[in-house]
Amino acid sequence: MDRELALEIVRVTEAAALASSQWMGRGRKIEADDAATTAMRSMFDSVNMQGTVVIGEGELDEAPMLYIGEELGSGNGPEVDIAVDPLEGTSIVAKGHPNAMAVIAIADRGTLLHAPDMYMEKLVVGPEAAGLVRLDDPIEKTIDIIAKMNNKRVRDVTVIIQERERHAELIERIRAKGARVNLFGDGDVGASIAVAMPRTGIDLFVGTGGAPEGVISAAAIKSLGGDMQARLVPMNDEEEARCKKMGVEDTSRILQLNDLVKGDDAIFAATGVSTGELLEGVRFLGGDLVETDSIVMRAKTGTVRYIKAHHRLNQKPHLQEQE
């Protein structure tokens, strides 16, 4: 891939974040999601690439948003796969809560996992424990490995996990082991990436969440030198059939990081909509001046860039306040 794509993709996440931030705290998550999607699709048209969404919000006949199989980009340039979530945290924005982001991962054509929008089991560790843990291992064994590799006592190991009923037993086992639990509400991309980021204090991500978020996260984890394992979780025969239609014959198989993102290159980009652990949110500085906070990573080089940008809304009429 052209390295210039990294900065071009940030322009796309910035547009989505700016558009959806207009709906912060207004209690209207559908409008926020639609604003992010519309802005992202429009900005993609200016990016010199031939992109195809391989995992996102559903197939053409099921999703009005950026759908699996949709072609994005100018139609010229490199052929790439796209995993996308225009607004990770629609409910977060509606409620005015932290950790909402616009996120994208791209990689060379044929290298991102092609799968339906469904549930996925996930396990993420940082560089120190890469290659040493397994998704099917008891959580107690995994915590012991993490403690040893991160040079911590078990009582100081922090596991981040989504606060959902489906995780209740797992949460109790983590606490019974003596480790700390960091619960989050929505938005598992930022939570999983925090494990591989330096100085966050987060040691392990476990739990079941969205598959698109899993693939997007995998691009960042690969860029940061961490490790990730996952497994698709079909909820019914229809989802099982959709997996097979997309080429995933054995949904019980543990997917390694190189199954989620093949090869040695991928680009991850995110722009904060509301302030969280990874990024600050969109800030309205007065008048037409708005500031965004973004991050972009590339697996091939391991480079991580933080980008703060000022935008003049009066020069972007499609992003001005919406009624």
C-alpha atoms as a PDB file:
ATOM      1  CA  MET A   1       0.000   0.000   0.000  1.00  0.00           C
ATOM      2  CA  ASP A   2       1.026   3.593  -0.553  1.00  0.00           C
ATOM      3  CA  ARG A   3       2.129   5.174   2.716  1.00  0.00           C
ATOM      4  CA  GLU A   4       0.234   8.331   1.754  1.00  0.00           C
ATOM      5  CA  LEU A   5      -2.974   6.371   2.424  1.00  0.00           C
ATOM      6  CA  ALA A   6      -2.342   6.642   6.161  1.00  0.00           C
ATOM      7  CA  LEU A   7      -2.947  10.395   6.202  1.00  0.00           C
ATOM      8  CA  GLU A   8      -5.745  10.154   3.654  1.00  0.00           C
ATOM      9  CA  ILE A   9      -7.620   7.694   5.877  1.00  0.00           C
ATOM     10  CA  VAL A  10      -7.313  10.080   8.828  1.00  0.00           C
ATOM     11  CA  ARG A  11      -9.149  12.700   6.778  1.00  0.00           C
ATOM     12  CA  VAL A  12     -11.995  10.189   6.467  1.00  0.00           C
ATOM     13  CA  THR A  13     -12.231   9.493  10.208  1.00  0.00           C
ATOM     14  CA  GLU A  14     -11.985  13.224  10.938  1.00  0.00           C
ATOM     15  CA  ALA A  15     -14.971  13.904   8.681  1.00  0.00           C
ATOM     16  CA  ALA A  16     -17.044  11.202  10.367  1.00  0.00           C
ATOM     17  CA  ALA A  17     -16.124  12.446  13.835  1.00  0.00           C
ATOM     18  CA  LEU A  18     -16.920  16.067  13.003  1.00  0.00           C
ATOM     19  CA  ALA A  19     -20.304  15.137  11.546  1.00  0.00           C
ATOM     20  CA  SER A  20     -21.391  12.824  14.357  1.00  0.00           C
ATOM     21  CA  SER A  21     -20.185  15.187  17.094  1.00  0.00           C
ATOM     22  CA  GLN A  22     -23.020  17.544  16.138  1.00  0.00           C
ATOM     23  CA  TRP A  23     -25.343  15.005  17.808  1.00  0.00           C
ATOM     24  CA  MET A  24     -23.409  14.638  21.050  1.00  0.00           C
ATOM     25  CA  GLY A  25     -25.755  14.326  24.022  1.00  0.00           C
ATOM     26  CA  ARG A  26     -28.907  14.877  21.971  1.00  0.00           C
ATOM     27  CA  GLY A  27     -30.357  11.398  22.554  1.00  0.00           C
ATOM     28  CA  ARG A  28     -30.542  10.589  18.826  1.00  0.00           C
ATOM     29  CA  LYS A  29     -28.159   7.771  18.029  1.00  0.00           C
ATOM     30  CA  ILE A  30     -29.600   6.975  14.594  1.00  0.00           C
ATOM     31  CA  GLU A  31     -29.018  10.524  13.408  1.00  0.00           C
ATOM     32  CA  ALA A  32     -25.472  10.462  14.817  1.00  0.00           C
ATOM     33  CA  ASP A  33     -24.666   7.202  13.030  1.00  0.00           C
ATOM     34  CA  ASP A  34     -26.184   8.444   9.773  1.00  0.00           C
ATOM     35  CA  ALA A  35     -24.186  11.677   9.952  1.00  0.00           C
ATOM     36  CA  ALA A  36     -20.923   9.766  10.471  1.00  0.00           C
ATOM     37  CA  THR A  37     -21.678   7.327   7.668  1.00  0.00           C
ATOM     38  CA  THR A  38     -22.667  10.002   5.163  1.00  0.00           C
ATOM     39  CA  ALA A  39     -19.554  12.071   5.884  1.00  0.00           C
ATOM     40  CA  MET A  40     -17.289   9.040   5.709  1.00  0.00           C
ATOM     41  CA  ARG A  41     -18.722   7.835   2.409  1.00  0.00           C
ATOM     42  CA  SER A  42     -18.388  11.305   0.881  1.00  0.00           C
ATOM     43  CA  MET A  43     -14.768  11.719   2.011  1.00  0.00           C
ATOM     44  CA  PHE A  44     -13.831   8.244   0.783  1.00  0.00           C
ATOM     45  CA  ASP A  45     -14.658   9.428  -2.757  1.00  0.00           C
ATOM     46  CA  SER A  46     -11.603  11.702  -2.660  1.00  0.00           C
ATOM     47  CA  VAL A  47      -9.153   8.971  -1.580  1.00  0.00           C
ATOM     48  CA  ASN A  48      -7.051   7.551  -4.396  1.00  0.00           C
ATOM     49  CA  MET A  49      -7.758   3.843  -3.917  1.00  0.00           C
ATOM     50  CA  GLN A  50     -10.013   1.019  -5.014  1.00  0.00           C
ATOM     51  CA  GLY A  51     -11.533  -0.104  -1.721  1.00  0.00           C
ATOM     52  CA  THR A  52     -14.078  -2.794  -0.859  1.00  0.00           C
ATOM     53  CA  VAL A  53     -15.767  -3.157   2.531  1.00  0.00           C
ATOM     54  CA  VAL A  54     -15.105  -6.738   3.680  1.00  0.00           C
ATOM     55  CA  ILE A  55     -16.522  -6.456   7.179  1.00  0.00           C
ATOM     56  CA  GLY A  56     -18.893  -3.775   8.376  1.00  0.00           C
ATOM     57  CA  GLU A  57     -22.560  -3.237   9.053  1.00  0.00           C
ATOM     58  CA  GLY A  58     -24.171  -5.969   6.963  1.00  0.00           C
ATOM     59  CA  GLU A  59     -24.800  -6.986   3.379  1.00  0.00           C
ATOM     60  CA  LEU A  60     -26.332  -4.703   0.759  1.00  0.00           C
ATOM     61  CA  ASP A  61     -29.892  -5.906   1.364  1.00  0.00           C
ATOM     62  CA  GLU A  62     -29.639  -5.558   5.158  1.00  0.00           C
ATOM     63  CA  ALA A  63     -27.788  -2.333   5.929  1.00  0.00           C
ATOM     64  CA  PRO A  64     -28.416   1.251   4.815  1.00  0.00           C
ATOM     65  CA  MET A  65     -24.954   2.145   6.090  1.00  0.00           C
ATOM     66  CA  LEU A  66     -21.509   1.231   4.734  1.00  0.00           C
ATOM     67  CA  TYR A  67     -22.264  -2.359   3.772  1.00  0.00           C
ATOM     68  CA  ILE A  68     -20.177  -5.435   3.092  1.00  0.00           C
ATOM     69  CA  GLY A  69     -19.245  -5.432  -0.576  1.00  0.00           C
ATOM     70  CA  GLU A  70     -19.595  -1.670  -1.023  1.00  0.00           C
ATOM     71  CA  GLU A  71     -16.883  -0.109  -3.172  1.00  0.00           C
ATOM     72  CA  LEU A  72     -15.252   3.029  -1.808  1.00  0.00           C
ATOM     73  CA  GLY A  73     -12.554   5.372  -3.039  1.00  0.00           C
ATOM     74  CA  SER A  74     -11.856   7.199  -6.279  1.00  0.00           C
ATOM     75  CA  GLY A  75     -11.680   4.004  -8.334  1.00  0.00           C
ATOM     76  CA  ASN A  76      -7.985   4.514  -9.021  1.00  0.00           C
ATOM     77  CA  GLY A  77      -4.909   3.554  -7.051  1.00  0.00           C
ATOM     78  CA  PRO A  78      -4.202   0.477  -4.914  1.00  0.00           C
ATOM     79  CA  GLU A  79      -6.810  -2.230  -4.337  1.00  0.00           C
ATOM     80  CA  VAL A  80      -7.551  -2.530  -0.617  1.00  0.00           C
ATOM     81  CA  ASP A  81      -9.854  -4.236   1.870  1.00  0.00           C
ATOM     82  CA  ILE A  82     -11.733  -2.004   4.312  1.00  0.00           C
ATOM     83  CA  ALA A  83     -13.054  -2.773   7.796  1.00  0.00           C
ATOM     84  CA  VAL A  84     -15.082   0.131   9.085  1.00  0.00           C
ATOM     85  CA  ASP A  85     -17.222   1.493  11.879  1.00  0.00           C
ATOM     86  CA  PRO A  86     -18.205   5.089  11.053  1.00  0.00           C
ATOM     87  CA  LEU A  87     -19.285   5.646  14.650  1.00  0.00           C
ATOM     88  CA  GLU A  88     -18.158   3.184  17.257  1.00  0.00           C
ATOM     89  CA  GLY A  89     -20.468   4.102  20.082  1.00  0.00           C
ATOM     90  CA  THR A  90     -23.757   5.419  18.714  1.00  0.00           C
ATOM     91  CA  SER A  91     -25.361   5.139  22.157  1.00  0.00           C
ATOM     92  CA  ILE A  92     -22.289   6.780  23.676  1.00  0.00           C
ATOM     93  CA  VAL A  93     -22.791   9.858  21.499  1.00  0.00           C
ATOM     94  CA  ALA A  94     -26.530   9.953  22.122  1.00  0.00           C
ATOM     95  CA  LYS A  95     -25.925   9.951  25.884  1.00  0.00           C
ATOM     96  CA  GLY A  96     -22.880  12.223  25.812  1.00  0.00           C
ATOM     97  CA  HIS A  97     -20.638   9.537  27.313  1.00  0.00           C
ATOM     98  CA  PRO A  98     -16.875   9.034  26.723  1.00  0.00           C
ATOM     99  CA  ASN A  99     -14.969   6.756  24.303  1.00  0.00           C
ATOM    100  CA  ALA A 100     -16.866   7.232  21.021  1.00  0.00           C
ATOM    101  CA  MET A 101     -14.668   7.135  17.908  1.00  0.00           C
ATOM    102  CA  ALA A 102     -14.767   6.924  14.124  1.00  0.00           C
ATOM    103  CA  VAL A 103     -12.527   4.016  13.110  1.00  0.00           C
ATOM    104  CA  ILE A 104     -11.176   2.407   9.917  1.00  0.00           C
ATOM    105  CA  ALA A 105      -8.708  -0.328   9.038  1.00  0.00           C
ATOM    106  CA  ILE A 106      -7.420  -0.923   5.509  1.00  0.00           C
ATOM    107  CA  ALA A 107      -5.044  -3.506   4.076  1.00  0.00           C
ATOM    108  CA  ASP A 108      -4.075  -4.952   0.705  1.00  0.00           C
ATOM    109  CA  ARG A 109      -6.880  -6.703  -1.184  1.00  0.00           C
ATOM    110  CA  GLY A 110      -7.606 -10.165   0.198  1.00  0.00           C
ATOM    111  CA  THR A 111      -5.834  -9.711   3.539  1.00  0.00           C
ATOM    112  CA  LEU A 112      -8.617  -8.693   5.971  1.00  0.00           C
ATOM    113  CA  LEU A 113     -11.031 -11.303   7.331  1.00  0.00           C
ATOM    114  CA  HIS A 114     -14.197 -11.395   5.241  1.00  0.00           C
ATOM    115  CA  ALA A 115     -17.060 -12.170   7.611  1.00  0.00           C
ATOM    116  CA  PRO A 116     -20.590 -11.059   8.519  1.00  0.00           C
ATOM    117  CA  ASP A 117     -21.463  -8.464  11.124  1.00  0.00           C
ATOM    118  CA  MET A 118     -21.926 -10.777  14.120  1.00  0.00           C
ATOM    119  CA  TYR A 119     -20.513 -11.636  17.525  1.00  0.00           C
ATOM    120  CA  MET A 120     -16.874 -12.606  18.014  1.00  0.00           C
ATOM    121  CA  GLU A 121     -14.955 -13.903  21.026  1.00  0.00           C
ATOM    122  CA  LYS A 122     -11.731 -11.961  21.518  1.00  0.00           C
ATOM    123  CA  LEU A 123      -8.531 -12.089  23.540  1.00  0.00           C
ATOM    124  CA  VAL A 124      -5.888  -9.360  23.248  1.00  0.00           C
ATOM    125  CA  VAL A 125      -2.479  -9.072  24.927  1.00  0.00           C
ATOM    126  CA  GLY A 126       0.438  -6.698  24.589  1.00  0.00           C
ATOM    127  CA  PRO A 127       3.852  -7.414  23.044  1.00  0.00           C
ATOM    128  CA  GLU A 128       5.285  -9.051  26.160  1.00  0.00           C
ATOM    129  CA  ALA A 129       2.807 -11.943  26.103  1.00  0.00           C
ATOM    130  CA  ALA A 130       2.453 -12.265  22.316  1.00  0.00           C
ATOM    131  CA  GLY A 131       2.310 -15.902  21.227  1.00  0.00           C
ATOM    132  CA  LEU A 132       2.001 -17.248  24.769  1.00  0.00           C
ATOM    133  CA  VAL A 133      -1.756 -17.299  25.410  1.00  0.00           C
ATOM    134  CA  ARG A 134      -4.725 -19.149  23.896  1.00  0.00           C
ATOM    135  CA  LEU A 135      -8.353 -18.167  23.633  1.00  0.00           C
ATOM    136  CA  ASP A 136      -9.481 -21.557  24.981  1.00  0.00           C
ATOM    137  CA  ASP A 137      -7.166 -21.572  27.990  1.00  0.00           C
ATOM    138  CA  PRO A 138      -8.817 -21.052  31.396  1.00  0.00           C
ATOM    139  CA  ILE A 139      -8.780 -17.365  32.289  1.00  0.00           C
ATOM    140  CA  GLU A 140      -6.855 -18.225  35.457  1.00  0.00           C
ATOM    141  CA  LYS A 141      -3.973 -19.695  33.426  1.00  0.00           C
ATOM    142  CA  THR A 142      -3.962 -16.682  31.101  1.00  0.00           C
ATOM    143  CA  ILE A 143      -3.755 -14.272  34.029  1.00  0.00           C
ATOM    144  CA  ASP A 144      -0.776 -16.189  35.455  1.00  0.00           C
ATOM    145  CA  ILE A 145       1.032 -15.920  32.111  1.00  0.00           C
ATOM    146  CA  ILE A 146       0.241 -12.225  31.822  1.00  0.00           C
ATOM    147  CA  ALA A 147       1.478 -11.558  35.350  1.00  0.00           C
ATOM    148  CA  LYS A 148       4.779 -13.322  34.665  1.00  0.00           C
ATOM    149  CA  MET A 149       5.424 -11.683  31.294  1.00  0.00           C
ATOM    150  CA  ASN A 150       4.411  -8.189  32.446  1.00  0.00           C
ATOM    151  CA  ASN A 151       6.447  -8.552  35.647  1.00  0.00           C
ATOM    152  CA  LYS A 152       3.425  -7.971  37.875  1.00  0.00           C
ATOM    153  CA  ARG A 153       1.783  -9.634  40.819  1.00  0.00           C
ATOM    154  CA  VAL A 154      -1.548 -11.256  39.944  1.00  0.00           C
ATOM    155  CA  ARG A 155      -3.285  -8.711  42.168  1.00  0.00           C
ATOM    156  CA  ASP A 156      -1.863  -5.927  39.969  1.00  0.00           C
ATOM    157  CA  VAL A 157      -2.965  -7.429  36.627  1.00  0.00           C
ATOM    158  CA  THR A 158      -5.818  -5.420  35.083  1.00  0.00           C
ATOM    159  CA  VAL A 159      -8.298  -7.121  32.745  1.00  0.00           C
ATOM    160  CA  ILE A 160     -10.595  -4.910  30.692  1.00  0.00           C
ATOM    161  CA  ILE A 161     -13.960  -6.414  29.792  1.00  0.00           C
ATOM    162  CA  GLN A 162     -17.308  -5.126  28.575  1.00  0.00           C
ATOM    163  CA  GLU A 163     -19.983  -4.837  31.250  1.00  0.00           C
ATOM    164  CA  ARG A 164     -22.538  -7.284  29.883  1.00  0.00           C
ATOM    165  CA  GLU A 165     -24.563 -10.104  31.427  1.00  0.00           C
ATOM    166  CA  ARG A 166     -22.870 -12.611  29.106  1.00  0.00           C
ATOM    167  CA  HIS A 167     -19.573 -11.836  30.850  1.00  0.00           C
ATOM    168  CA  ALA A 168     -20.858 -12.161  34.445  1.00  0.00           C
ATOM    169  CA  GLU A 169     -19.274 -15.564  35.142  1.00  0.00           C
ATOM    170  CA  LEU A 170     -15.987 -14.562  33.511  1.00  0.00           C
ATOM    171  CA  ILE A 171     -15.845 -11.382  35.578  1.00  0.00           C
ATOM    172  CA  GLU A 172     -16.375 -13.347  38.786  1.00  0.00           C
ATOM    173  CA  ARG A 173     -13.592 -15.791  37.877  1.00  0.00           C
ATOM    174  CA  ILE A 174     -11.174 -12.938  37.171  1.00  0.00           C
ATOM    175  CA  ARG A 175     -11.950 -11.380  40.542  1.00  0.00           C
ATOM    176  CA  ALA A 176     -11.739 -14.735  42.312  1.00  0.00           C
ATOM    177  CA  LYS A 177      -8.265 -15.176  40.814  1.00  0.00           C
ATOM    178  CA  GLY A 178      -7.310 -11.900  42.443  1.00  0.00           C
ATOM    179  CA  ALA A 179      -6.849  -9.744  39.350  1.00  0.00           C
ATOM    180  CA  ARG A 180      -8.431  -6.361  38.801  1.00  0.00           C
ATOM    181  CA  VAL A 181     -11.404  -5.825  36.501  1.00  0.00           C
ATOM    182  CA  ASN A 182     -11.854  -2.668  34.432  1.00  0.00           C
ATOM    183  CA  LEU A 183     -15.424  -2.600  33.126  1.00  0.00           C
ATOM    184  CA  PHE A 184     -16.459  -0.521  30.122  1.00  0.00           C
ATOM    185  CA  GLY A 185     -19.844   0.089  28.557  1.00  0.00           C
ATOM    186  CA  ASP A 186     -19.628   0.460  24.779  1.00  0.00           C
ATOM    187  CA  GLY A 187     -16.833   0.787  22.245  1.00  0.00           C
ATOM    188  CA  ASP A 188     -14.471  -2.171  22.431  1.00  0.00           C
ATOM    189  CA  VAL A 189     -11.964  -0.988  19.791  1.00  0.00           C
ATOM    190  CA  GLY A 190     -10.412   1.550  22.138  1.00  0.00           C
ATOM    191  CA  ALA A 191     -10.524  -0.920  25.037  1.00  0.00           C
ATOM    192  CA  SER A 192      -8.714  -3.660  23.126  1.00  0.00           C
ATOM    193  CA  ILE A 193      -6.085  -1.311  21.703  1.00  0.00           C
ATOM    194  CA  ALA A 194      -5.312   0.007  25.201  1.00  0.00           C
ATOM    195  CA  VAL A 195      -3.831  -3.400  26.074  1.00  0.00           C
ATOM    196  CA  ALA A 196      -1.030  -2.976  23.528  1.00  0.00           C
ATOM    197  CA  MET A 197      -0.424   0.719  24.153  1.00  0.00           C
ATOM    198  CA  PRO A 198       2.395   1.655  26.540  1.00  0.00           C
ATOM    199  CA  ARG A 199       1.622   3.109  29.961  1.00  0.00           C
ATOM    200  CA  THR A 200      -2.121   2.392  30.008  1.00  0.00           C
ATOM    201  CA  GLY A 201      -1.864  -0.127  32.839  1.00  0.00           C
ATOM    202  CA  ILE A 202      -4.255  -2.491  30.994  1.00  0.00           C
ATOM    203  CA  ASP A 203      -2.854  -6.018  30.651  1.00  0.00           C
ATOM    204  CA  LEU A 204      -5.564  -8.141  29.013  1.00  0.00           C
ATOM    205  CA  PHE A 205      -8.744  -7.739  26.983  1.00  0.00           C
ATOM    206  CA  VAL A 206     -11.263 -10.598  26.932  1.00  0.00           C
ATOM    207  CA  GLY A 207     -14.917 -10.989  26.008  1.00  0.00           C
ATOM    208  CA  THR A 208     -17.431 -11.248  23.208  1.00  0.00           C
ATOM    209  CA  GLY A 209     -18.269  -8.265  21.019  1.00  0.00           C
ATOM    210  CA  GLY A 210     -18.721  -7.248  17.405  1.00  0.00           C
ATOM    211  CA  ALA A 211     -16.716  -8.916  14.638  1.00  0.00           C
ATOM    212  CA  PRO A 212     -16.146  -5.677  12.654  1.00  0.00           C
ATOM    213  CA  GLU A 213     -14.647  -4.083  15.744  1.00  0.00           C
ATOM    214  CA  GLY A 214     -12.476  -7.181  16.160  1.00  0.00           C
ATOM    215  CA  VAL A 215     -10.976  -6.942  12.683  1.00  0.00           C
ATOM    216  CA  ILE A 216     -10.461  -3.192  12.991  1.00  0.00           C
ATOM    217  CA  SER A 217      -8.716  -3.710  16.325  1.00  0.00           C
ATOM    218  CA  ALA A 218      -6.528  -6.445  14.841  1.00  0.00           C
ATOM    219  CA  ALA A 219      -4.972  -3.950  12.420  1.00  0.00           C
ATOM    220  CA  ALA A 220      -3.988  -1.743  15.341  1.00  0.00           C
ATOM    221  CA  ILE A 221      -2.767  -4.667  17.465  1.00  0.00           C
ATOM    222  CA  LYS A 222      -0.529  -5.825  14.598  1.00  0.00           C
ATOM    223  CA  SER A 223       0.879  -2.310  14.277  1.00  0.00           C
ATOM    224  CA  LEU A 224       1.644  -2.209  18.007  1.00  0.00           C
ATOM    225  CA  GLY A 225       3.310  -5.630  18.182  1.00  0.00           C
ATOM    226  CA  GLY A 226       0.619  -7.163  20.383  1.00  0.00           C
ATOM    227  CA  ASP A 227      -1.303 -10.381  19.822  1.00  0.00           C
ATOM    228  CA  MET A 228      -4.945 -11.265  19.342  1.00  0.00           C
ATOM    229  CA  GLN A 229      -7.027 -14.412  18.984  1.00  0.00           C
ATOM    230  CA  ALA A 230     -10.691 -14.567  18.087  1.00  0.00           C
ATOM    231  CA  ARG A 231     -13.547 -16.851  17.116  1.00  0.00           C
ATOM    232  CA  LEU A 232     -16.795 -16.058  15.338  1.00  0.00           C
ATOM    233  CA  VAL A 233     -19.957 -16.772  17.336  1.00  0.00           C
ATOM    234  CA  PRO A 234     -22.963 -17.512  15.092  1.00  0.00           C
ATOM    235  CA  MET A 235     -26.193 -17.070  17.036  1.00  0.00           C
ATOM    236  CA  ASN A 236     -28.347 -19.152  14.667  1.00  0.00           C
ATOM    237  CA  ASP A 237     -28.310 -21.236  11.481  1.00  0.00           C
ATOM    238  CA  GLU A 238     -28.710 -18.121   9.335  1.00  0.00           C
ATOM    239  CA  GLU A 239     -25.525 -16.558  10.676  1.00  0.00           C
ATOM    240  CA  GLU A 240     -23.719 -19.877  10.270  1.00  0.00           C
ATOM    241  CA  ALA A 241     -24.811 -19.982   6.630  1.00  0.00           C
ATOM    242  CA  ARG A 242     -23.677 -16.395   6.058  1.00  0.00           C
ATOM    243  CA  CYS A 243     -20.227 -17.281   7.393  1.00  0.00           C
ATOM    244  CA  LYS A 244     -19.889 -20.169   4.963  1.00  0.00           C
ATOM    245  CA  LYS A 245     -21.124 -18.006   2.108  1.00  0.00           C
ATOM    246  CA  MET A 246     -18.252 -15.609   2.845  1.00  0.00           C
ATOM    247  CA  GLY A 247     -15.683 -18.390   2.946  1.00  0.00           C
ATOM    248  CA  VAL A 248     -15.527 -19.146   6.691  1.00  0.00           C
ATOM    249  CA  GLU A 249     -16.195 -22.881   6.684  1.00  0.00           C
ATOM    250  CA  ASP A 250     -15.318 -23.678  10.304  1.00  0.00           C
ATOM    251  CA  THR A 251     -16.660 -21.076  12.716  1.00  0.00           C
ATOM    252  CA  SER A 252     -15.349 -23.040  15.700  1.00  0.00           C
ATOM    253  CA  ARG A 253     -11.735 -22.453  14.649  1.00  0.00           C
ATOM    254  CA  ILE A 254      -9.627 -20.053  16.677  1.00  0.00           C
ATOM    255  CA  LEU A 255      -8.550 -17.197  14.436  1.00  0.00           C
ATOM    256  CA  GLN A 256      -4.995 -16.001  14.958  1.00  0.00           C
ATOM    257  CA  LEU A 257      -3.901 -12.410  14.387  1.00  0.00           C
ATOM    258  CA  ASN A 258      -2.625 -13.390  10.936  1.00  0.00           C
ATOM    259  CA  ASP A 259      -6.052 -14.826  10.089  1.00  0.00           C
ATOM    260  CA  LEU A 260      -7.697 -11.533  10.952  1.00  0.00           C
ATOM    261  CA  VAL A 261      -5.071  -9.448   9.132  1.00  0.00           C
ATOM    262  CA  LYS A 262      -2.861 -11.428   6.747  1.00  0.00           C
ATOM    263  CA  GLY A 263       0.545 -10.242   5.635  1.00  0.00           C
ATOM    264  CA  ASP A 264       2.760  -7.624   7.217  1.00  0.00           C
ATOM    265  CA  ASP A 265       0.919  -4.429   6.345  1.00  0.00           C
ATOM    266  CA  ALA A 266      -2.263  -2.724   7.477  1.00  0.00           C
ATOM    267  CA  ILE A 267      -3.303   0.795   8.408  1.00  0.00           C
ATOM    268  CA  PHE A 268      -5.518   1.708  11.346  1.00  0.00           C
ATOM    269  CA  ALA A 269      -6.962   5.186  11.886  1.00  0.00           C
ATOM    270  CA  ALA A 270      -9.315   6.631  14.467  1.00  0.00           C
ATOM    271  CA  THR A 271     -10.608  10.065  15.425  1.00  0.00           C
ATOM    272  CA  GLY A 272     -12.171  10.703  18.813  1.00  0.00           C
ATOM    273  CA  VAL A 273     -15.777  11.859  18.925  1.00  0.00           C
ATOM    274  CA  SER A 274     -16.006  11.986  22.717  1.00  0.00           C
ATOM    275  CA  THR A 275     -12.981  11.960  25.010  1.00  0.00           C
ATOM    276  CA  GLY A 276     -11.761   8.542  26.146  1.00  0.00           C
ATOM    277  CA  GLU A 277      -8.650   6.623  27.191  1.00  0.00           C
ATOM    278  CA  LEU A 278      -7.198   6.612  23.671  1.00  0.00           C
ATOM    279  CA  LEU A 279      -8.204   9.980  22.193  1.00  0.00           C
ATOM    280  CA  GLU A 280      -9.750  13.296  23.099  1.00  0.00           C
ATOM    281  CA  GLY A 281     -13.116  14.104  21.613  1.00  0.00           C
ATOM    282  CA  VAL A 282     -14.117  16.798  19.141  1.00  0.00           C
ATOM    283  CA  ARG A 283     -13.759  20.195  20.817  1.00  0.00           C
ATOM    284  CA  PHE A 284     -15.703  23.280  19.751  1.00  0.00           C
ATOM    285  CA  LEU A 285     -13.305  26.158  20.455  1.00  0.00           C
ATOM    286  CA  GLY A 286     -15.629  29.024  19.647  1.00  0.00           C
ATOM    287  CA  GLY A 287     -16.896  30.534  16.456  1.00  0.00           C
ATOM    288  CA  ASP A 288     -16.299  28.139  13.581  1.00  0.00           C
ATOM    289  CA  LEU A 289     -13.102  26.633  15.006  1.00  0.00           C
ATOM    290  CA  VAL A 290     -13.162  22.951  15.917  1.00  0.00           C
ATOM    291  CA  GLU A 291     -10.303  20.675  17.022  1.00  0.00           C
ATOM    292  CA  THR A 292      -9.980  16.923  16.447  1.00  0.00           C
ATOM    293  CA  ASP A 293      -7.639  14.330  17.933  1.00  0.00           C
ATOM    294  CA  SER A 294      -6.667  11.321  15.808  1.00  0.00           C
ATOM    295  CA  ILE A 295      -4.291   8.383  15.743  1.00  0.00           C
ATOM    296  CA  VAL A 296      -2.979   6.469  12.743  1.00  0.00           C
ATOM    297  CA  MET A 297      -0.789   3.359  12.757  1.00  0.00           C
ATOM    298  CA  ARG A 298       0.912   1.272  10.099  1.00  0.00           C
ATOM    299  CA  ALA A 299       1.839  -2.354  10.712  1.00  0.00           C
ATOM    300  CA  LYS A 300       4.646  -2.499   8.153  1.00  0.00           C
ATOM    301  CA  THR A 301       6.698   0.172   9.918  1.00  0.00           C
ATOM    302  CA  GLY A 302       5.254   0.096  13.427  1.00  0.00           C
ATOM    303  CA  THR A 303       4.810   3.857  13.223  1.00  0.00           C
ATOM    304  CA  VAL A 304       2.143   5.453  15.417  1.00  0.00           C
ATOM    305  CA  ARG A 305       1.189   9.071  14.740  1.00  0.00           C
ATOM    306  CA  TYR A 306      -1.021  11.341  16.834  1.00  0.00           C
ATOM    307  CA  ILE A 307      -2.641  14.133  14.868  1.00  0.00           C
ATOM    308  CA  LYS A 308      -4.343  17.227  16.233  1.00  0.00           C
ATOM    309  CA  ALA A 309      -6.129  19.290  13.622  1.00  0.00           C
ATOM    310  CA  HIS A 310      -8.076  22.553  13.565  1.00  0.00           C
ATOM    311  CA  HIS A 311     -11.073  22.773  11.230  1.00  0.00           C
ATOM    312  CA  ARG A 312     -13.108  25.764  10.107  1.00  0.00           C
ATOM    313  CA  LEU A 313     -16.744  24.693   9.918  1.00  0.00           C
ATOM    314  CA  ASN A 314     -17.649  27.716   7.805  1.00  0.00           C
ATOM    315  CA  GLN A 315     -15.458  26.199   5.095  1.00  0.00           C
ATOM    316  CA  LYS A 316     -17.161  22.815   5.439  1.00  0.00           C
ATOM    317  CA  PRO A 317     -20.863  23.552   4.959  1.00  0.00           C
ATOM    318  CA  HIS A 318     -21.827  19.861   4.954  1.00  0.00           C
ATOM    319  CA  LEU A 319     -20.472  19.574   8.508  1.00  0.00           C
ATOM    320  CA  GLN A 320     -22.088  22.623  10.042  1.00  0.00           C
ATOM    321  CA  GLU A 321     -24.624  22.252  12.835  1.00  0.00           C
ATOM    322  CA  GLN A 322     -27.550  20.069  11.898  1.00  0.00           C
ATOM    323  CA  GLU A 323     -31.109  20.694  13.009  1.00  0.00           C
END
